[in-house]
Every structure is written in structure tokens, then in C-alpha cells.
Amino acid sequence: MEYRTFAIALGSRIRSLRLARALTLERASELMDLDLKHLQKIEAGHVNVTLLTLLKIALGLGEPLHEIIPHAQPTQPALFLFTHHNTSIEQIHAGSGGR
């Protein structure tokens, strides 16, 4: 997928998830700890989003990262899980027996 096409699809996905939760841009930017104008640019597909920003968006929306990224699937052997109580990320290896 070409970068520009991906950026537009990503922004559209984020906007859809935000609207499904009835969040305004202002409230979403607060939950995501992002600047409002930056979030607007992300939703419009005008910026290159870093992994840290994607994680902030996922946590703010209460979604796993693979739900934010268009056409993404969780992969093996590593699954990324988010703990919302402390906004940390834990990597759990398949077959490791948990944490």
C-alpha cells in the first residue's frame, strides 16, 4: 500500500473509531494526549504518524493497536497487549505461559 493511501486509510479508521465512541476531536485529543491540530492532521491523512502516536491513539480509544491500523492482524509469536490502568505496553511471547 502506498504511503499516502495508507495515511488516508489510517486517518479514516481513527476518525471512524472516534465517532463510534461519540468523541469530539477536543475530547479525543485529551484522551490521547495529542495536540488537537495534530489529531486533525492525522485524521485527514496529512502526517506521518509515529509508533508512539499510534499507541497513544490506541490507548485513548481503548483499542488494541491492530484495530487502529488498517488491514493489520495480530501476529505470532508476539502479541501486544495494552494495560489501560497504567498505559503501559507489554509484549507477551506465544507459548511463554503468560506474564
N, C-alpha and C. Protein backbone atom coordinates (compact mmCIF):
# COMPACT_ATOMS: atom_id res chain seq x y z
N MET A 1 0.84 -1.17 0.00
CA MET A 1 0.00 0.00 0.00
C MET A 1 0.89 1.24 0.00
N GLU A 2 0.65 2.16 -0.85
CA GLU A 2 1.39 3.41 -0.96
C GLU A 2 1.21 4.23 0.32
N TYR A 3 2.26 5.01 0.70
CA TYR A 3 2.23 5.79 1.93
C TYR A 3 1.00 6.69 2.02
N ARG A 4 0.74 7.47 1.00
CA ARG A 4 -0.38 8.42 1.04
C ARG A 4 -1.72 7.68 1.19
N THR A 5 -1.88 6.60 0.48
CA THR A 5 -3.11 5.80 0.59
C THR A 5 -3.24 5.24 2.00
N PHE A 6 -2.13 4.77 2.56
CA PHE A 6 -2.15 4.25 3.92
C PHE A 6 -2.49 5.34 4.92
N ALA A 7 -1.89 6.53 4.78
CA ALA A 7 -2.13 7.63 5.71
C ALA A 7 -3.61 8.04 5.70
N ILE A 8 -4.21 8.06 4.52
CA ILE A 8 -5.63 8.40 4.41
C ILE A 8 -6.50 7.32 5.05
N ALA A 9 -6.17 6.05 4.78
CA ALA A 9 -6.92 4.94 5.37
C ALA A 9 -6.79 4.93 6.89
N LEU A 10 -5.59 5.20 7.39
CA LEU A 10 -5.36 5.26 8.83
C LEU A 10 -6.18 6.38 9.45
N GLY A 11 -6.12 7.55 8.86
CA GLY A 11 -6.89 8.68 9.38
C GLY A 11 -8.37 8.42 9.38
N SER A 12 -8.85 7.81 8.33
CA SER A 12 -10.27 7.47 8.23
C SER A 12 -10.67 6.46 9.31
N ARG A 13 -9.81 5.48 9.55
CA ARG A 13 -10.08 4.47 10.57
C ARG A 13 -10.14 5.11 11.96
N ILE A 14 -9.20 5.98 12.25
CA ILE A 14 -9.17 6.67 13.54
C ILE A 14 -10.42 7.53 13.71
N ARG A 15 -10.78 8.26 12.68
CA ARG A 15 -11.99 9.10 12.73
C ARG A 15 -13.23 8.24 12.97
N SER A 16 -13.34 7.11 12.28
CA SER A 16 -14.48 6.22 12.45
C SER A 16 -14.58 5.69 13.88
N LEU A 17 -13.46 5.27 14.42
CA LEU A 17 -13.45 4.76 15.80
C LEU A 17 -13.80 5.87 16.79
N ARG A 18 -13.29 7.06 16.56
CA ARG A 18 -13.59 8.20 17.43
C ARG A 18 -15.07 8.52 17.40
N LEU A 19 -15.64 8.60 16.20
CA LEU A 19 -17.05 8.94 16.06
C LEU A 19 -17.96 7.84 16.61
N ALA A 20 -17.53 6.59 16.49
CA ALA A 20 -18.31 5.48 17.04
C ALA A 20 -18.42 5.58 18.56
N ARG A 21 -17.49 6.29 19.17
CA ARG A 21 -17.49 6.48 20.62
C ARG A 21 -18.08 7.85 20.99
N ALA A 22 -18.60 8.55 19.99
CA ALA A 22 -19.20 9.88 20.19
C ALA A 22 -18.22 10.85 20.84
N LEU A 23 -16.95 10.76 20.44
CA LEU A 23 -15.92 11.66 20.98
C LEU A 23 -15.71 12.83 20.04
N THR A 24 -15.67 14.02 20.59
CA THR A 24 -15.29 15.18 19.79
C THR A 24 -13.79 15.13 19.56
N LEU A 25 -13.31 15.89 18.62
CA LEU A 25 -11.85 15.98 18.41
C LEU A 25 -11.18 16.47 19.68
N GLU A 26 -11.79 17.44 20.34
CA GLU A 26 -11.20 18.01 21.55
C GLU A 26 -11.06 16.95 22.64
N ARG A 27 -12.14 16.21 22.89
CA ARG A 27 -12.09 15.19 23.95
C ARG A 27 -11.13 14.06 23.58
N ALA A 28 -11.16 13.64 22.32
CA ALA A 28 -10.25 12.59 21.88
C ALA A 28 -8.80 13.02 22.02
N SER A 29 -8.49 14.24 21.66
CA SER A 29 -7.10 14.71 21.77
C SER A 29 -6.64 14.72 23.23
N GLU A 30 -7.56 15.02 24.14
CA GLU A 30 -7.23 14.97 25.57
C GLU A 30 -6.96 13.53 26.01
N LEU A 31 -7.83 12.61 25.62
CA LEU A 31 -7.67 11.21 26.00
C LEU A 31 -6.39 10.60 25.42
N MET A 32 -6.02 11.08 24.24
CA MET A 32 -4.83 10.56 23.55
C MET A 32 -3.56 11.31 23.91
N ASP A 33 -3.70 12.40 24.65
CA ASP A 33 -2.56 13.26 24.99
C ASP A 33 -1.86 13.74 23.71
N LEU A 34 -2.69 14.21 22.76
CA LEU A 34 -2.19 14.75 21.50
C LEU A 34 -2.70 16.17 21.30
N ASP A 35 -1.94 16.96 20.59
CA ASP A 35 -2.38 18.29 20.21
C ASP A 35 -3.58 18.17 19.27
N LEU A 36 -4.59 18.99 19.47
CA LEU A 36 -5.81 18.94 18.66
C LEU A 36 -5.50 19.07 17.17
N LYS A 37 -4.67 20.02 16.80
CA LYS A 37 -4.35 20.22 15.38
C LYS A 37 -3.61 19.01 14.80
N HIS A 38 -2.78 18.38 15.60
CA HIS A 38 -2.07 17.19 15.14
C HIS A 38 -3.06 16.05 14.87
N LEU A 39 -4.02 15.87 15.78
CA LEU A 39 -5.04 14.84 15.57
C LEU A 39 -5.86 15.14 14.32
N GLN A 40 -6.19 16.39 14.08
CA GLN A 40 -6.91 16.75 12.86
C GLN A 40 -6.11 16.37 11.62
N LYS A 41 -4.81 16.63 11.65
CA LYS A 41 -3.95 16.28 10.51
C LYS A 41 -3.85 14.78 10.33
N ILE A 42 -3.80 14.05 11.44
CA ILE A 42 -3.75 12.59 11.36
C ILE A 42 -5.02 12.06 10.70
N GLU A 43 -6.17 12.54 11.17
CA GLU A 43 -7.45 12.07 10.62
C GLU A 43 -7.60 12.44 9.15
N ALA A 44 -6.97 13.52 8.73
CA ALA A 44 -7.03 13.93 7.32
C ALA A 44 -6.00 13.20 6.46
N GLY A 45 -5.10 12.45 7.10
CA GLY A 45 -4.08 11.71 6.35
C GLY A 45 -2.94 12.58 5.88
N HIS A 46 -2.67 13.67 6.61
CA HIS A 46 -1.65 14.63 6.18
C HIS A 46 -0.31 14.50 6.88
N VAL A 47 -0.19 13.57 7.82
CA VAL A 47 1.08 13.45 8.55
C VAL A 47 1.53 12.00 8.62
N ASN A 48 2.83 11.82 8.82
CA ASN A 48 3.43 10.52 9.05
C ASN A 48 3.37 10.26 10.55
N VAL A 49 2.63 9.27 10.96
CA VAL A 49 2.38 9.01 12.38
C VAL A 49 3.44 8.07 12.93
N THR A 50 4.00 8.45 14.07
CA THR A 50 5.00 7.59 14.71
C THR A 50 4.31 6.46 15.47
N LEU A 51 5.08 5.46 15.83
CA LEU A 51 4.55 4.35 16.60
C LEU A 51 4.04 4.84 17.95
N LEU A 52 4.76 5.73 18.60
CA LEU A 52 4.34 6.27 19.89
C LEU A 52 2.98 6.96 19.76
N THR A 53 2.78 7.72 18.69
CA THR A 53 1.50 8.38 18.47
C THR A 53 0.40 7.36 18.24
N LEU A 54 0.68 6.31 17.48
CA LEU A 54 -0.31 5.25 17.28
C LEU A 54 -0.69 4.59 18.60
N LEU A 55 0.27 4.40 19.47
CA LEU A 55 0.00 3.80 20.77
C LEU A 55 -0.87 4.73 21.62
N LYS A 56 -0.60 6.03 21.57
CA LYS A 56 -1.42 6.99 22.30
C LYS A 56 -2.86 6.98 21.78
N ILE A 57 -3.00 6.89 20.47
CA ILE A 57 -4.34 6.84 19.86
C ILE A 57 -5.07 5.58 20.30
N ALA A 58 -4.38 4.44 20.23
CA ALA A 58 -4.99 3.17 20.62
C ALA A 58 -5.43 3.21 22.09
N LEU A 59 -4.58 3.68 22.95
CA LEU A 59 -4.92 3.76 24.37
C LEU A 59 -6.06 4.73 24.60
N GLY A 60 -6.04 5.87 23.92
CA GLY A 60 -7.11 6.85 24.07
C GLY A 60 -8.46 6.34 23.62
N LEU A 61 -8.45 5.50 22.60
CA LEU A 61 -9.70 4.93 22.09
C LEU A 61 -10.07 3.62 22.77
N GLY A 62 -9.16 3.09 23.59
CA GLY A 62 -9.42 1.82 24.25
C GLY A 62 -9.41 0.64 23.30
N GLU A 63 -8.57 0.71 22.30
CA GLU A 63 -8.48 -0.34 21.28
C GLU A 63 -7.07 -0.90 21.22
N PRO A 64 -6.93 -2.19 20.89
CA PRO A 64 -5.59 -2.71 20.64
C PRO A 64 -5.03 -2.11 19.35
N LEU A 65 -3.74 -2.03 19.27
CA LEU A 65 -3.09 -1.38 18.14
C LEU A 65 -3.53 -1.96 16.80
N HIS A 66 -3.69 -3.27 16.70
CA HIS A 66 -4.06 -3.87 15.41
C HIS A 66 -5.45 -3.43 14.95
N GLU A 67 -6.28 -2.91 15.84
CA GLU A 67 -7.59 -2.40 15.43
C GLU A 67 -7.50 -0.99 14.86
N ILE A 68 -6.44 -0.30 15.16
CA ILE A 68 -6.24 1.07 14.67
C ILE A 68 -5.66 1.07 13.26
N ILE A 69 -4.73 0.18 13.01
CA ILE A 69 -4.02 0.16 11.74
C ILE A 69 -4.83 -0.59 10.68
N PRO A 70 -5.13 0.05 9.55
CA PRO A 70 -5.91 -0.61 8.50
C PRO A 70 -5.24 -1.90 8.01
N HIS A 71 -6.00 -2.95 7.88
CA HIS A 71 -5.57 -4.24 7.35
C HIS A 71 -4.55 -4.95 8.23
N ALA A 72 -4.39 -4.51 9.47
CA ALA A 72 -3.43 -5.16 10.38
C ALA A 72 -4.08 -6.36 11.05
N GLN A 73 -3.28 -7.34 11.35
CA GLN A 73 -3.70 -8.53 12.07
C GLN A 73 -2.71 -8.73 13.21
N PRO A 74 -3.17 -9.17 14.36
CA PRO A 74 -2.19 -9.52 15.40
C PRO A 74 -1.32 -10.66 14.88
N THR A 75 -0.05 -10.63 15.19
CA THR A 75 0.86 -11.63 14.65
C THR A 75 1.39 -12.53 15.75
N GLN A 76 1.87 -13.67 15.35
CA GLN A 76 2.55 -14.59 16.24
C GLN A 76 4.02 -14.54 15.87
N PRO A 77 4.97 -14.75 16.73
CA PRO A 77 4.78 -15.22 18.09
C PRO A 77 4.51 -14.12 19.11
N ALA A 78 4.55 -12.85 18.73
CA ALA A 78 4.37 -11.80 19.72
C ALA A 78 3.00 -11.14 19.57
N LEU A 79 2.35 -10.95 20.71
CA LEU A 79 1.09 -10.22 20.74
C LEU A 79 1.31 -8.99 21.62
N PHE A 80 0.77 -7.86 21.21
CA PHE A 80 0.91 -6.66 22.01
C PHE A 80 -0.39 -6.39 22.74
N LEU A 81 -0.30 -6.31 24.05
CA LEU A 81 -1.46 -6.07 24.88
C LEU A 81 -1.26 -4.75 25.61
N PHE A 82 -2.36 -4.04 25.81
CA PHE A 82 -2.30 -2.75 26.48
C PHE A 82 -2.96 -2.88 27.84
N THR A 83 -2.31 -2.37 28.85
CA THR A 83 -2.93 -2.30 30.15
C THR A 83 -3.33 -0.86 30.38
N HIS A 84 -4.61 -0.61 30.43
CA HIS A 84 -5.13 0.75 30.48
C HIS A 84 -4.95 1.41 31.84
N HIS A 85 -4.82 0.63 32.88
CA HIS A 85 -4.70 1.22 34.21
C HIS A 85 -3.39 2.00 34.37
N ASN A 86 -2.37 1.65 33.65
CA ASN A 86 -1.12 2.39 33.76
C ASN A 86 -0.54 2.76 32.39
N THR A 87 -1.32 2.61 31.35
CA THR A 87 -0.95 2.92 29.96
C THR A 87 0.43 2.38 29.57
N SER A 88 0.71 1.17 30.02
CA SER A 88 1.97 0.55 29.62
C SER A 88 1.69 -0.49 28.54
N ILE A 89 2.74 -0.90 27.89
CA ILE A 89 2.64 -1.90 26.83
C ILE A 89 3.47 -3.09 27.26
N GLU A 90 2.88 -4.26 27.16
CA GLU A 90 3.60 -5.47 27.50
C GLU A 90 3.64 -6.36 26.27
N GLN A 91 4.79 -6.92 26.02
CA GLN A 91 4.92 -7.86 24.92
C GLN A 91 4.95 -9.26 25.51
N ILE A 92 4.01 -10.06 25.07
CA ILE A 92 3.91 -11.43 25.57
C ILE A 92 4.21 -12.37 24.42
N HIS A 93 5.18 -13.24 24.61
CA HIS A 93 5.55 -14.19 23.57
C HIS A 93 4.65 -15.41 23.65
N ALA A 94 4.18 -15.84 22.51
CA ALA A 94 3.33 -17.02 22.47
C ALA A 94 4.08 -18.21 23.08
N GLY A 95 3.37 -18.94 23.88
CA GLY A 95 3.96 -20.12 24.49
C GLY A 95 4.80 -19.84 25.71
N SER A 96 4.85 -18.57 26.15
CA SER A 96 5.67 -18.26 27.31
C SER A 96 4.95 -18.52 28.62
N GLY A 97 3.64 -18.86 28.51
CA GLY A 97 2.90 -19.15 29.72
C GLY A 97 2.39 -17.92 30.42
N GLY A 98 2.30 -16.80 29.70
CA GLY A 98 1.75 -15.58 30.29
C GLY A 98 2.83 -14.61 30.64
N ARG A 99 2.53 -13.80 31.65
CA ARG A 99 3.41 -12.69 32.02
C ARG A 99 4.53 -13.20 32.80
